Amino acid sequence: MKRIKFKTAKLAKDVGFESSACKGIYWKDGYFDHEEDFFFHREESYPAPYQCLLQKWLRKNHNIHISIIYIDDILGFKAVITTMKDNTEIFATQSNTSYEEAQLECLRELIKICKK
């Protein structure tokens, strides 16, 4: 499991993500603190969840799903964003070398979509 990056954490907070389950924060200067709880430092920090927790929250709160598809050893992975209501494809990544890279690219795009 990988935590989201600082830029993604800022975007996630902008669309309303807050969770006591992540047990990690980024301070405004980008420094990660493993032990701190976001709810005690809400004003001066950003929650730093694992990618899967943010993905689950976006699915639950915005009815949008991310699928990660393995293509082959050369192209790697592709990520696709679909609506849960009618399974319409909203966005698809090109190709990524790892599952985590595909997921992170898709999460960033998904957050941008939710901000609209």
Protein backbone atom coordinates (compact mmCIF):
# COMPACT_ATOMS: atom_id res chain seq x y z
CA MET A 1 0.00 0.00 0.00
CA LYS A 2 1.16 3.48 -0.84
CA ARG A 3 0.22 6.80 0.66
CA ILE A 4 -0.91 9.58 -1.61
CA LYS A 5 1.60 12.30 -2.43
CA PHE A 6 1.46 15.83 -1.01
CA LYS A 7 -0.10 17.37 -4.17
CA THR A 8 -2.82 14.70 -4.20
CA ALA A 9 -3.48 15.27 -0.48
CA LYS A 10 -4.07 18.96 -1.13
CA LEU A 11 -6.50 18.15 -3.95
CA ALA A 12 -8.30 15.55 -1.81
CA LYS A 13 -8.83 18.02 1.02
CA ASP A 14 -10.22 20.53 -1.50
CA VAL A 15 -12.99 18.07 -2.46
CA GLY A 16 -13.85 17.35 1.18
CA PHE A 17 -11.77 14.30 2.10
CA GLU A 18 -11.28 14.01 5.85
CA SER A 19 -10.63 10.75 7.64
CA SER A 20 -9.41 9.72 11.05
CA ALA A 21 -8.47 6.33 9.56
CA CYS A 22 -5.39 7.56 7.71
CA LYS A 23 -3.19 8.27 10.78
CA GLY A 24 -0.75 10.44 8.91
CA ILE A 25 -0.66 14.03 7.74
CA TYR A 26 1.24 16.37 5.49
CA TRP A 27 2.04 19.73 7.01
CA LYS A 28 1.58 22.81 4.79
CA ASP A 29 5.29 22.72 3.89
CA GLY A 30 4.92 19.16 2.51
CA TYR A 31 6.59 17.39 5.45
CA PHE A 32 4.95 14.03 6.24
CA ASP A 33 4.27 13.10 9.85
CA HIS A 34 3.48 9.42 10.35
CA GLU A 35 2.04 9.59 13.85
CA GLU A 36 -0.12 12.70 13.76
CA ASP A 37 -3.91 12.64 13.42
CA PHE A 38 -5.43 15.04 10.91
CA PHE A 39 -8.40 15.94 13.12
CA PHE A 40 -6.16 17.51 15.76
CA HIS A 41 -4.38 19.68 13.17
CA ARG A 42 -7.17 20.31 10.64
CA GLU A 43 -6.30 23.93 9.82
CA GLU A 44 -2.57 23.56 9.22
CA SER A 45 -2.37 20.13 7.59
CA TYR A 46 -3.69 17.73 4.93
CA PRO A 47 -4.81 14.13 5.56
CA ALA A 48 -2.41 11.56 4.07
CA PRO A 49 -4.35 8.34 3.47
CA TYR A 50 -3.26 5.30 1.56
CA GLN A 51 -4.34 5.38 -2.09
CA CYS A 52 -6.91 2.62 -1.55
CA LEU A 53 -8.65 4.55 1.26
CA LEU A 54 -8.98 7.67 -0.90
CA GLN A 55 -10.23 5.55 -3.80
CA LYS A 56 -12.88 3.95 -1.55
CA TRP A 57 -13.98 7.37 -0.24
CA LEU A 58 -14.32 8.78 -3.78
CA ARG A 59 -16.36 5.75 -4.85
CA LYS A 60 -18.69 6.07 -1.86
CA ASN A 61 -19.13 9.85 -1.91
CA HIS A 62 -19.01 10.60 -5.63
CA ASN A 63 -20.27 7.31 -7.19
CA ILE A 64 -17.21 7.00 -9.40
CA HIS A 65 -15.13 3.84 -9.73
CA ILE A 66 -11.49 3.26 -10.71
CA SER A 67 -10.45 0.06 -12.47
CA ILE A 68 -6.79 -0.84 -12.89
CA ILE A 69 -6.16 -3.16 -15.85
CA TYR A 70 -2.94 -5.05 -16.58
CA ILE A 71 -2.14 -4.81 -20.30
CA ASP A 72 1.23 -6.56 -20.74
CA ASP A 73 4.90 -6.38 -19.68
CA ILE A 74 5.69 -3.57 -22.13
CA LEU A 75 2.67 -1.29 -21.65
CA GLY A 76 2.15 -2.08 -17.97
CA PHE A 77 -1.13 -0.94 -16.42
CA LYS A 78 -4.05 1.21 -17.56
CA ALA A 79 -6.49 2.91 -15.21
CA VAL A 80 -10.08 3.74 -16.14
CA ILE A 81 -12.61 5.96 -14.34
CA THR A 82 -16.27 5.04 -14.78
CA THR A 83 -19.53 6.23 -13.27
CA MET A 84 -21.20 3.68 -11.03
CA LYS A 85 -24.66 4.73 -12.19
CA ASP A 86 -24.40 3.73 -15.85
CA ASN A 87 -20.79 2.50 -16.19
CA THR A 88 -19.85 5.37 -18.54
CA GLU A 89 -16.11 5.81 -19.05
CA ILE A 90 -15.00 9.30 -17.97
CA PHE A 91 -11.22 9.02 -18.19
CA ALA A 92 -8.50 6.49 -19.02
CA THR A 93 -4.75 6.71 -18.50
CA GLN A 94 -2.39 5.76 -21.31
CA SER A 95 -0.03 3.25 -19.69
CA ASN A 96 1.96 3.12 -16.48
CA THR A 97 4.82 0.92 -15.38
CA SER A 98 3.21 -0.01 -12.07
CA TYR A 99 -0.22 -0.54 -10.56
CA GLU A 100 0.43 2.24 -8.03
CA GLU A 101 1.40 4.78 -10.72
CA ALA A 102 -1.78 4.03 -12.69
CA GLN A 103 -3.89 4.32 -9.54
CA LEU A 104 -2.27 7.60 -8.48
CA GLU A 105 -2.70 9.19 -11.93
CA CYS A 106 -6.35 8.15 -11.92
CA LEU A 107 -6.94 9.44 -8.38
CA ARG A 108 -5.55 12.84 -9.31
CA GLU A 109 -7.81 13.03 -12.36
CA LEU A 110 -10.79 11.82 -10.34
CA ILE A 111 -10.30 14.56 -7.77
CA LYS A 112 -10.17 17.16 -10.54
CA ILE A 113 -13.45 15.78 -11.90
CA CYS A 114 -15.07 15.95 -8.45
CA LYS A 115 -14.02 19.60 -8.05
CA LYS A 116 -16.10 20.60 -11.08
